[in-house]
Each structure stands twice: as structure tokens, then as C-alpha cells.
Amino acid sequence: MVAIIIVDECVGCGTCVDECPSEAISMNGDNIAVVVADECLDCGACVDVCPTDAIKME
């Protein structure tokens, strides 16, 4: 499994970036979170802290 960002729900707060232990999440030029799938640990930490439920595990 890997974290997937629901672009329409992401508000660009960056909480997931701060929480990700593998630094697999960054913000793109549009201030939307982006996940590097190969670096994602499938831990779900980002899902737990997202205030808009814009991240799911697939």
C-alpha cells in the first residue's frame, strides 16, 4: 500500500509533510501534497494527521 493524495481535498497545510517519517511527501508548486511511492513506508501516519481526510492508503 501507498499513501494517495486526493487533490481536490488537499488544502496545502503541510501537516503530512511534517509527520512523514520517510520524507516521502512534499508540496508541489501548487501547494498540494505529493507522495513519492517508492519512499512511502505504508505507515499511515499522514492519514492520521490530515485535517481534511485528503489522504488514503491504496
N, C-alpha and C. Protein backbone atom coordinates (compact mmCIF):
# COMPACT_ATOMS: atom_id res chain seq x y z
N MET A 1 0.85 -1.19 0.00
CA MET A 1 0.00 0.00 0.00
C MET A 1 0.88 1.24 0.00
N VAL A 2 0.28 2.32 -0.46
CA VAL A 2 0.98 3.59 -0.52
C VAL A 2 -0.02 4.72 -0.28
N ALA A 3 0.45 5.82 0.27
CA ALA A 3 -0.41 6.98 0.51
C ALA A 3 -0.77 7.63 -0.82
N ILE A 4 -2.04 7.96 -0.98
CA ILE A 4 -2.55 8.62 -2.17
C ILE A 4 -3.18 9.94 -1.73
N ILE A 5 -2.82 11.02 -2.40
CA ILE A 5 -3.39 12.33 -2.09
C ILE A 5 -4.64 12.56 -2.94
N ILE A 6 -5.72 12.96 -2.32
CA ILE A 6 -6.93 13.35 -3.03
C ILE A 6 -6.80 14.85 -3.26
N VAL A 7 -6.39 15.19 -4.46
CA VAL A 7 -6.00 16.57 -4.80
C VAL A 7 -7.10 17.58 -4.48
N ASP A 8 -8.33 17.25 -4.78
CA ASP A 8 -9.44 18.19 -4.55
C ASP A 8 -9.68 18.46 -3.07
N GLU A 9 -9.18 17.59 -2.21
CA GLU A 9 -9.38 17.74 -0.77
C GLU A 9 -8.18 18.37 -0.05
N CYS A 10 -7.01 18.34 -0.68
CA CYS A 10 -5.78 18.85 -0.05
C CYS A 10 -5.82 20.37 0.02
N VAL A 11 -5.61 20.91 1.23
CA VAL A 11 -5.60 22.37 1.42
C VAL A 11 -4.19 22.93 1.54
N GLY A 12 -3.20 22.07 1.40
CA GLY A 12 -1.81 22.53 1.41
C GLY A 12 -1.28 22.94 2.77
N CYS A 13 -1.78 22.34 3.83
CA CYS A 13 -1.35 22.73 5.17
C CYS A 13 0.06 22.23 5.50
N GLY A 14 0.48 21.13 4.87
CA GLY A 14 1.82 20.59 5.10
C GLY A 14 1.97 19.71 6.33
N THR A 15 0.89 19.45 7.02
CA THR A 15 0.96 18.61 8.22
C THR A 15 1.49 17.22 7.88
N CYS A 16 1.09 16.68 6.75
CA CYS A 16 1.55 15.35 6.35
C CYS A 16 3.05 15.34 6.06
N VAL A 17 3.55 16.43 5.51
CA VAL A 17 4.98 16.54 5.21
C VAL A 17 5.77 16.46 6.51
N ASP A 18 5.31 17.19 7.51
CA ASP A 18 5.99 17.21 8.80
C ASP A 18 5.92 15.86 9.51
N GLU A 19 4.85 15.11 9.30
CA GLU A 19 4.63 13.85 10.02
C GLU A 19 5.30 12.65 9.36
N CYS A 20 5.55 12.71 8.07
CA CYS A 20 6.06 11.55 7.33
C CYS A 20 7.47 11.17 7.80
N PRO A 21 7.65 9.97 8.36
CA PRO A 21 8.97 9.57 8.88
C PRO A 21 10.00 9.28 7.79
N SER A 22 9.54 9.02 6.56
CA SER A 22 10.49 8.71 5.48
C SER A 22 10.68 9.88 4.52
N GLU A 23 10.07 11.01 4.83
CA GLU A 23 10.16 12.21 3.98
C GLU A 23 9.70 11.91 2.56
N ALA A 24 8.67 11.06 2.43
CA ALA A 24 8.14 10.68 1.13
C ALA A 24 7.13 11.68 0.58
N ILE A 25 6.73 12.66 1.40
CA ILE A 25 5.73 13.63 0.99
C ILE A 25 6.36 15.02 0.92
N SER A 26 6.04 15.72 -0.16
CA SER A 26 6.49 17.11 -0.30
C SER A 26 5.33 17.91 -0.89
N MET A 27 5.50 19.21 -0.95
CA MET A 27 4.48 20.08 -1.53
C MET A 27 4.92 20.49 -2.92
N ASN A 28 4.01 20.44 -3.89
CA ASN A 28 4.36 20.85 -5.24
C ASN A 28 4.18 22.36 -5.41
N GLY A 29 4.38 22.87 -6.60
CA GLY A 29 4.28 24.30 -6.87
C GLY A 29 2.89 24.89 -6.65
N ASP A 30 1.88 24.02 -6.68
CA ASP A 30 0.51 24.47 -6.43
C ASP A 30 0.11 24.30 -4.97
N ASN A 31 1.10 24.02 -4.11
CA ASN A 31 0.88 23.82 -2.67
C ASN A 31 -0.05 22.63 -2.39
N ILE A 32 0.16 21.57 -3.15
CA ILE A 32 -0.58 20.32 -2.97
C ILE A 32 0.44 19.24 -2.62
N ALA A 33 0.08 18.38 -1.67
CA ALA A 33 0.98 17.31 -1.25
C ALA A 33 1.18 16.29 -2.37
N VAL A 34 2.42 15.81 -2.48
CA VAL A 34 2.78 14.80 -3.47
C VAL A 34 3.55 13.69 -2.75
N VAL A 35 3.21 12.44 -3.04
CA VAL A 35 3.86 11.30 -2.41
C VAL A 35 4.79 10.62 -3.41
N VAL A 36 6.02 10.34 -2.99
CA VAL A 36 6.95 9.52 -3.77
C VAL A 36 6.71 8.09 -3.32
N ALA A 37 6.01 7.34 -4.17
CA ALA A 37 5.55 5.99 -3.79
C ALA A 37 6.68 5.07 -3.36
N ASP A 38 7.82 5.16 -4.01
CA ASP A 38 8.94 4.28 -3.67
C ASP A 38 9.52 4.55 -2.28
N GLU A 39 9.23 5.73 -1.72
CA GLU A 39 9.76 6.09 -0.41
C GLU A 39 8.73 5.92 0.71
N CYS A 40 7.47 5.72 0.33
CA CYS A 40 6.39 5.59 1.31
C CYS A 40 6.54 4.28 2.08
N LEU A 41 6.46 4.36 3.41
CA LEU A 41 6.61 3.19 4.28
C LEU A 41 5.29 2.49 4.59
N ASP A 42 4.18 3.01 4.08
CA ASP A 42 2.87 2.42 4.34
C ASP A 42 2.53 2.44 5.83
N CYS A 43 2.98 3.49 6.52
CA CYS A 43 2.74 3.55 7.97
C CYS A 43 1.40 4.20 8.32
N GLY A 44 0.87 5.03 7.41
CA GLY A 44 -0.41 5.68 7.66
C GLY A 44 -0.35 6.90 8.55
N ALA A 45 0.83 7.32 8.95
CA ALA A 45 0.95 8.49 9.83
C ALA A 45 0.33 9.73 9.19
N CYS A 46 0.50 9.88 7.90
CA CYS A 46 -0.04 11.04 7.19
C CYS A 46 -1.56 11.03 7.19
N VAL A 47 -2.14 9.85 7.06
CA VAL A 47 -3.59 9.71 7.05
C VAL A 47 -4.16 10.17 8.39
N ASP A 48 -3.49 9.79 9.46
CA ASP A 48 -3.96 10.11 10.81
C ASP A 48 -3.95 11.60 11.11
N VAL A 49 -3.03 12.36 10.49
CA VAL A 49 -2.91 13.78 10.84
C VAL A 49 -3.56 14.73 9.84
N CYS A 50 -4.01 14.22 8.70
CA CYS A 50 -4.60 15.10 7.68
C CYS A 50 -5.93 15.67 8.17
N PRO A 51 -6.03 16.99 8.28
CA PRO A 51 -7.26 17.59 8.82
C PRO A 51 -8.45 17.54 7.86
N THR A 52 -8.21 17.29 6.58
CA THR A 52 -9.30 17.26 5.60
C THR A 52 -9.55 15.87 5.02
N ASP A 53 -8.91 14.86 5.58
CA ASP A 53 -9.05 13.47 5.09
C ASP A 53 -8.70 13.38 3.60
N ALA A 54 -7.66 14.10 3.19
CA ALA A 54 -7.25 14.14 1.79
C ALA A 54 -6.25 13.05 1.43
N ILE A 55 -5.97 12.15 2.36
CA ILE A 55 -5.01 11.08 2.10
C ILE A 55 -5.64 9.74 2.42
N LYS A 56 -5.46 8.79 1.50
CA LYS A 56 -5.93 7.43 1.76
C LYS A 56 -4.80 6.48 1.40
N MET A 57 -4.89 5.28 1.92
CA MET A 57 -3.89 4.25 1.62
C MET A 57 -4.48 3.31 0.57
N GLU A 58 -3.73 3.09 -0.48
CA GLU A 58 -4.17 2.17 -1.54
C GLU A 58 -3.10 1.17 -1.83
